[in-house]
Amino acid sequence: MRTLRFRVSGQELTRAPGCDFSNIIAGTSGYLQVAFEFDRDWDDTVRVAAFYPYLQSPEVGRLIRDGVCIVPDEITPCDQFKIGVVGQRENGQRITTNLITIKQERGSGQAWQQ
């Protein structure tokens, strides 16, 4: 399993230093995951990773459990996708982040989709 690591500080989402974002291959299923390290602004929030295959497309959300979630299968066939994070507290207070673009290279996985 490959893990893409991010840091979340307030509303800023950044790639974690030392994490290799090169040679990500499109077409995986249940293999690519994302992991987040949150600052105190995110304490007591329910956290969701928001994935966008295209800028104007509807988001595909995944609940973040223990700082981790799997990249949805709806996203992995794309040449690139955007990711952001949303958190909400019980009182309705919501915090959101910027989006980061992740590029993927075309791989051999498309043969399984035929």
N, C-alpha and C. Protein backbone atom coordinates (compact mmCIF):
# COMPACT_ATOMS: atom_id res chain seq x y z
N MET A 1 0.85 -1.17 0.00
CA MET A 1 0.00 0.00 0.00
C MET A 1 0.89 1.24 0.00
N ARG A 2 0.53 2.21 -0.82
CA ARG A 2 1.30 3.45 -0.88
C ARG A 2 0.55 4.54 -0.13
N THR A 3 1.28 5.31 0.66
CA THR A 3 0.67 6.36 1.47
C THR A 3 1.22 7.72 1.07
N LEU A 4 0.31 8.63 0.75
CA LEU A 4 0.65 10.03 0.49
C LEU A 4 0.38 10.80 1.78
N ARG A 5 1.40 11.48 2.30
CA ARG A 5 1.28 12.13 3.60
C ARG A 5 1.15 13.65 3.46
N PHE A 6 0.25 14.19 4.30
CA PHE A 6 -0.04 15.62 4.29
C PHE A 6 -0.02 16.17 5.71
N ARG A 7 0.22 17.47 5.81
CA ARG A 7 0.08 18.19 7.07
C ARG A 7 -1.06 19.19 6.92
N VAL A 8 -1.83 19.34 8.01
CA VAL A 8 -2.93 20.28 8.03
C VAL A 8 -2.72 21.22 9.20
N SER A 9 -2.51 22.50 8.88
CA SER A 9 -2.29 23.53 9.90
C SER A 9 -3.32 24.63 9.66
N GLY A 10 -4.30 24.70 10.56
CA GLY A 10 -5.39 25.65 10.32
C GLY A 10 -6.10 25.27 9.03
N GLN A 11 -6.16 26.22 8.11
CA GLN A 11 -6.81 25.96 6.82
C GLN A 11 -5.82 25.61 5.72
N GLU A 12 -4.56 25.39 6.08
CA GLU A 12 -3.54 25.11 5.07
C GLU A 12 -3.20 23.62 5.01
N LEU A 13 -3.41 23.04 3.83
CA LEU A 13 -3.04 21.66 3.56
C LEU A 13 -1.75 21.68 2.75
N THR A 14 -0.72 20.96 3.21
CA THR A 14 0.57 20.90 2.51
C THR A 14 1.04 19.45 2.42
N ARG A 15 1.88 19.20 1.43
CA ARG A 15 2.52 17.88 1.32
C ARG A 15 3.52 17.75 2.47
N ALA A 16 3.56 16.60 3.10
CA ALA A 16 4.50 16.39 4.20
C ALA A 16 5.92 16.30 3.64
N PRO A 17 6.86 16.99 4.28
CA PRO A 17 8.26 16.91 3.83
C PRO A 17 8.73 15.45 3.85
N GLY A 18 9.49 15.10 2.83
CA GLY A 18 10.04 13.76 2.76
C GLY A 18 9.13 12.73 2.12
N CYS A 19 7.87 13.09 1.87
CA CYS A 19 6.97 12.14 1.21
C CYS A 19 7.13 12.26 -0.30
N ASP A 20 7.29 11.14 -0.95
CA ASP A 20 7.51 11.09 -2.40
C ASP A 20 6.17 11.08 -3.14
N PHE A 21 5.90 12.14 -3.89
CA PHE A 21 4.67 12.24 -4.66
C PHE A 21 4.91 11.95 -6.14
N SER A 22 6.07 11.40 -6.49
CA SER A 22 6.38 11.10 -7.89
C SER A 22 5.94 9.67 -8.23
N ASN A 23 5.77 9.44 -9.52
CA ASN A 23 5.46 8.11 -10.04
C ASN A 23 4.22 7.48 -9.40
N ILE A 24 3.18 8.29 -9.20
CA ILE A 24 1.89 7.75 -8.76
C ILE A 24 1.19 7.27 -10.03
N ILE A 25 0.79 6.03 -10.04
CA ILE A 25 0.24 5.42 -11.25
C ILE A 25 -1.28 5.31 -11.12
N ALA A 26 -1.99 5.78 -12.14
CA ALA A 26 -3.46 5.74 -12.17
C ALA A 26 -3.95 4.30 -12.29
N GLY A 27 -5.18 4.08 -11.83
CA GLY A 27 -5.85 2.80 -12.05
C GLY A 27 -5.80 1.82 -10.90
N THR A 28 -5.23 2.21 -9.76
CA THR A 28 -5.20 1.29 -8.61
C THR A 28 -6.59 1.20 -7.97
N SER A 29 -6.79 0.21 -7.16
CA SER A 29 -8.04 0.04 -6.43
C SER A 29 -7.72 -0.43 -5.02
N GLY A 30 -8.07 0.40 -4.02
CA GLY A 30 -7.82 0.03 -2.63
C GLY A 30 -6.36 0.03 -2.23
N TYR A 31 -5.50 0.59 -3.05
CA TYR A 31 -4.05 0.56 -2.81
C TYR A 31 -3.51 1.90 -2.32
N LEU A 32 -3.97 2.99 -2.91
CA LEU A 32 -3.44 4.32 -2.60
C LEU A 32 -4.20 4.90 -1.41
N GLN A 33 -3.46 5.31 -0.39
CA GLN A 33 -4.11 5.94 0.76
C GLN A 33 -3.46 7.28 1.06
N VAL A 34 -4.20 8.10 1.80
CA VAL A 34 -3.68 9.40 2.23
C VAL A 34 -3.69 9.43 3.75
N ALA A 35 -2.66 10.07 4.32
CA ALA A 35 -2.54 10.19 5.77
C ALA A 35 -2.34 11.66 6.10
N PHE A 36 -2.96 12.09 7.18
CA PHE A 36 -2.93 13.49 7.57
C PHE A 36 -2.43 13.65 8.99
N GLU A 37 -1.64 14.69 9.20
CA GLU A 37 -1.20 15.11 10.52
C GLU A 37 -1.86 16.47 10.77
N PHE A 38 -2.74 16.54 11.78
CA PHE A 38 -3.53 17.74 12.05
C PHE A 38 -2.98 18.53 13.22
N ASP A 39 -3.11 19.86 13.15
CA ASP A 39 -2.74 20.69 14.30
C ASP A 39 -3.95 20.81 15.24
N ARG A 40 -3.80 21.58 16.30
CA ARG A 40 -4.82 21.67 17.35
C ARG A 40 -6.12 22.31 16.87
N ASP A 41 -6.08 23.10 15.79
CA ASP A 41 -7.31 23.69 15.26
C ASP A 41 -8.34 22.62 14.88
N TRP A 42 -7.87 21.42 14.65
CA TRP A 42 -8.73 20.34 14.19
C TRP A 42 -9.17 19.40 15.31
N ASP A 43 -8.80 19.71 16.55
CA ASP A 43 -9.22 18.89 17.68
C ASP A 43 -10.75 18.83 17.74
N ASP A 44 -11.28 17.68 18.10
CA ASP A 44 -12.72 17.46 18.28
C ASP A 44 -13.53 17.66 17.01
N THR A 45 -12.92 17.44 15.85
CA THR A 45 -13.68 17.52 14.60
C THR A 45 -13.83 16.14 13.98
N VAL A 46 -14.93 15.95 13.28
CA VAL A 46 -15.08 14.81 12.38
C VAL A 46 -14.47 15.27 11.07
N ARG A 47 -13.57 14.48 10.51
CA ARG A 47 -12.77 14.91 9.36
C ARG A 47 -13.09 14.08 8.12
N VAL A 48 -13.21 14.79 7.00
CA VAL A 48 -13.50 14.14 5.72
C VAL A 48 -12.50 14.63 4.69
N ALA A 49 -11.92 13.70 3.93
CA ALA A 49 -11.08 14.06 2.79
C ALA A 49 -12.02 14.24 1.60
N ALA A 50 -11.86 15.37 0.90
CA ALA A 50 -12.67 15.68 -0.28
C ALA A 50 -11.80 15.52 -1.52
N PHE A 51 -12.20 14.64 -2.41
CA PHE A 51 -11.46 14.36 -3.64
C PHE A 51 -12.25 14.89 -4.83
N TYR A 52 -11.55 15.49 -5.78
CA TYR A 52 -12.17 16.02 -6.99
C TYR A 52 -11.39 15.51 -8.20
N PRO A 53 -12.03 14.72 -9.10
CA PRO A 53 -11.31 14.28 -10.28
C PRO A 53 -11.03 15.43 -11.25
N TYR A 54 -11.91 16.42 -11.25
CA TYR A 54 -11.75 17.62 -12.07
C TYR A 54 -12.19 18.79 -11.22
N LEU A 55 -11.70 19.99 -11.53
CA LEU A 55 -11.96 21.16 -10.69
C LEU A 55 -13.45 21.41 -10.48
N GLN A 56 -14.26 21.31 -11.51
CA GLN A 56 -15.69 21.62 -11.40
C GLN A 56 -16.55 20.39 -11.09
N SER A 57 -15.95 19.25 -10.85
CA SER A 57 -16.71 18.03 -10.60
C SER A 57 -17.19 17.98 -9.15
N PRO A 58 -18.26 17.22 -8.89
CA PRO A 58 -18.70 17.04 -7.51
C PRO A 58 -17.62 16.31 -6.70
N GLU A 59 -17.56 16.62 -5.42
CA GLU A 59 -16.55 15.98 -4.60
C GLU A 59 -16.95 14.55 -4.25
N VAL A 60 -15.93 13.75 -4.03
CA VAL A 60 -16.11 12.39 -3.52
C VAL A 60 -15.47 12.40 -2.14
N GLY A 61 -16.28 12.25 -1.10
CA GLY A 61 -15.77 12.36 0.26
C GLY A 61 -15.50 11.00 0.89
N ARG A 62 -14.49 10.97 1.75
CA ARG A 62 -14.17 9.77 2.52
C ARG A 62 -13.85 10.18 3.95
N LEU A 63 -14.47 9.50 4.91
CA LEU A 63 -14.22 9.76 6.32
C LEU A 63 -12.77 9.42 6.65
N ILE A 64 -12.12 10.30 7.38
CA ILE A 64 -10.74 10.08 7.81
C ILE A 64 -10.79 9.45 9.20
N ARG A 65 -10.26 8.23 9.30
CA ARG A 65 -10.23 7.52 10.58
C ARG A 65 -8.78 7.33 10.99
N ASP A 66 -8.47 7.73 12.21
CA ASP A 66 -7.09 7.62 12.72
C ASP A 66 -6.10 8.29 11.78
N GLY A 67 -6.54 9.39 11.16
CA GLY A 67 -5.67 10.18 10.29
C GLY A 67 -5.48 9.64 8.89
N VAL A 68 -6.22 8.58 8.52
CA VAL A 68 -5.97 7.91 7.23
C VAL A 68 -7.28 7.59 6.52
N CYS A 69 -7.24 7.60 5.18
CA CYS A 69 -8.33 7.05 4.37
C CYS A 69 -7.79 6.59 3.03
N ILE A 70 -8.54 5.72 2.38
CA ILE A 70 -8.18 5.20 1.06
C ILE A 70 -8.67 6.17 -0.01
N VAL A 71 -7.86 6.39 -1.04
CA VAL A 71 -8.30 7.21 -2.17
C VAL A 71 -9.40 6.42 -2.89
N PRO A 72 -10.58 7.05 -3.11
CA PRO A 72 -11.71 6.33 -3.71
C PRO A 72 -11.41 5.81 -5.12
N ASP A 73 -12.00 4.67 -5.45
CA ASP A 73 -11.82 4.08 -6.77
C ASP A 73 -12.34 5.00 -7.88
N GLU A 74 -13.29 5.88 -7.57
CA GLU A 74 -13.80 6.82 -8.57
C GLU A 74 -12.74 7.83 -9.00
N ILE A 75 -11.72 8.00 -8.18
CA ILE A 75 -10.68 9.01 -8.41
C ILE A 75 -9.44 8.42 -9.07
N THR A 76 -9.09 7.20 -8.75
CA THR A 76 -7.79 6.66 -9.17
C THR A 76 -7.60 6.49 -10.68
N PRO A 77 -8.64 6.36 -11.51
CA PRO A 77 -8.38 6.25 -12.95
C PRO A 77 -7.95 7.57 -13.61
N CYS A 78 -8.10 8.69 -12.93
CA CYS A 78 -7.85 10.01 -13.52
C CYS A 78 -6.35 10.32 -13.64
N ASP A 79 -6.02 11.19 -14.59
CA ASP A 79 -4.62 11.63 -14.76
C ASP A 79 -4.17 12.50 -13.59
N GLN A 80 -5.13 13.17 -12.96
CA GLN A 80 -4.83 13.97 -11.77
C GLN A 80 -6.11 14.11 -10.97
N PHE A 81 -5.95 14.49 -9.70
CA PHE A 81 -7.10 14.80 -8.87
C PHE A 81 -6.70 15.85 -7.86
N LYS A 82 -7.69 16.49 -7.28
CA LYS A 82 -7.46 17.47 -6.23
C LYS A 82 -7.95 16.88 -4.92
N ILE A 83 -7.29 17.29 -3.84
CA ILE A 83 -7.68 16.82 -2.51
C ILE A 83 -7.70 17.99 -1.55
N GLY A 84 -8.67 17.98 -0.66
CA GLY A 84 -8.77 18.95 0.43
C GLY A 84 -9.37 18.24 1.63
N VAL A 85 -9.51 18.95 2.74
CA VAL A 85 -10.06 18.36 3.96
C VAL A 85 -11.11 19.30 4.54
N VAL A 86 -12.16 18.69 5.09
CA VAL A 86 -13.22 19.42 5.78
C VAL A 86 -13.38 18.79 7.16
N GLY A 87 -13.52 19.62 8.18
CA GLY A 87 -13.77 19.12 9.53
C GLY A 87 -14.95 19.85 10.14
N GLN A 88 -15.72 19.14 10.96
CA GLN A 88 -16.86 19.78 11.61
C GLN A 88 -16.99 19.29 13.04
N ARG A 89 -17.34 20.24 13.91
CA ARG A 89 -17.58 19.93 15.33
C ARG A 89 -19.07 19.72 15.56
N GLU A 90 -19.41 19.16 16.70
CA GLU A 90 -20.81 18.90 17.04
C GLU A 90 -21.65 20.17 17.02
N ASN A 91 -21.05 21.32 17.34
CA ASN A 91 -21.81 22.58 17.38
C ASN A 91 -22.01 23.18 15.99
N GLY A 92 -21.56 22.48 14.94
CA GLY A 92 -21.74 22.96 13.57
C GLY A 92 -20.58 23.76 13.02
N GLN A 93 -19.62 24.12 13.88
CA GLN A 93 -18.45 24.86 13.39
C GLN A 93 -17.69 24.01 12.39
N ARG A 94 -17.38 24.60 11.23
CA ARG A 94 -16.72 23.87 10.15
C ARG A 94 -15.42 24.56 9.76
N ILE A 95 -14.41 23.76 9.44
CA ILE A 95 -13.12 24.26 8.96
C ILE A 95 -12.80 23.53 7.66
N THR A 96 -12.27 24.27 6.69
CA THR A 96 -11.92 23.70 5.39
C THR A 96 -10.49 24.09 5.02
N THR A 97 -9.92 23.37 4.06
CA THR A 97 -8.55 23.67 3.61
C THR A 97 -8.55 24.03 2.13
N ASN A 98 -7.39 24.46 1.69
CA ASN A 98 -7.12 24.63 0.27
C ASN A 98 -7.10 23.26 -0.41
N LEU A 99 -7.05 23.27 -1.73
CA LEU A 99 -6.94 22.03 -2.51
C LEU A 99 -5.51 21.87 -3.02
N ILE A 100 -5.05 20.64 -3.09
CA ILE A 100 -3.75 20.31 -3.66
C ILE A 100 -3.98 19.35 -4.83
N THR A 101 -3.28 19.59 -5.92
CA THR A 101 -3.39 18.73 -7.10
C THR A 101 -2.36 17.60 -7.02
N ILE A 102 -2.83 16.39 -7.25
CA ILE A 102 -1.97 15.21 -7.29
C ILE A 102 -1.99 14.67 -8.72
N LYS A 103 -0.82 14.56 -9.32
CA LYS A 103 -0.73 14.05 -10.69
C LYS A 103 -0.46 12.56 -10.67
N GLN A 104 -1.11 11.86 -11.60
CA GLN A 104 -0.90 10.42 -11.74
C GLN A 104 -0.47 10.11 -13.17
N GLU A 105 0.37 9.13 -13.30
CA GLU A 105 0.80 8.69 -14.62
C GLU A 105 -0.09 7.55 -15.09
N ARG A 106 -0.26 7.46 -16.39
CA ARG A 106 -1.05 6.37 -16.95
C ARG A 106 -0.33 5.06 -16.69
N GLY A 107 -1.11 4.07 -16.28
CA GLY A 107 -0.52 2.77 -15.99
C GLY A 107 -1.23 1.65 -16.73
N SER A 108 -0.92 0.44 -16.37
CA SER A 108 -1.49 -0.73 -17.04
C SER A 108 -2.82 -1.17 -16.45
N GLY A 109 -3.29 -0.50 -15.42
CA GLY A 109 -4.52 -0.91 -14.73
C GLY A 109 -5.78 -0.80 -15.55
N GLN A 110 -5.76 -0.05 -16.65
CA GLN A 110 -6.96 0.12 -17.45
C GLN A 110 -7.42 -1.20 -18.07
N ALA A 111 -6.54 -2.18 -18.21
CA ALA A 111 -6.92 -3.47 -18.79
C ALA A 111 -7.98 -4.17 -17.95
N TRP A 112 -7.99 -3.94 -16.63
CA TRP A 112 -8.97 -4.56 -15.75
C TRP A 112 -10.36 -3.99 -15.94
N GLN A 113 -10.45 -2.78 -16.49
CA GLN A 113 -11.74 -2.11 -16.63
C GLN A 113 -12.48 -2.55 -17.88
N GLN A 114 -11.87 -3.36 -18.72
CA GLN A 114 -12.51 -3.79 -19.97
C GLN A 114 -13.35 -5.02 -19.76
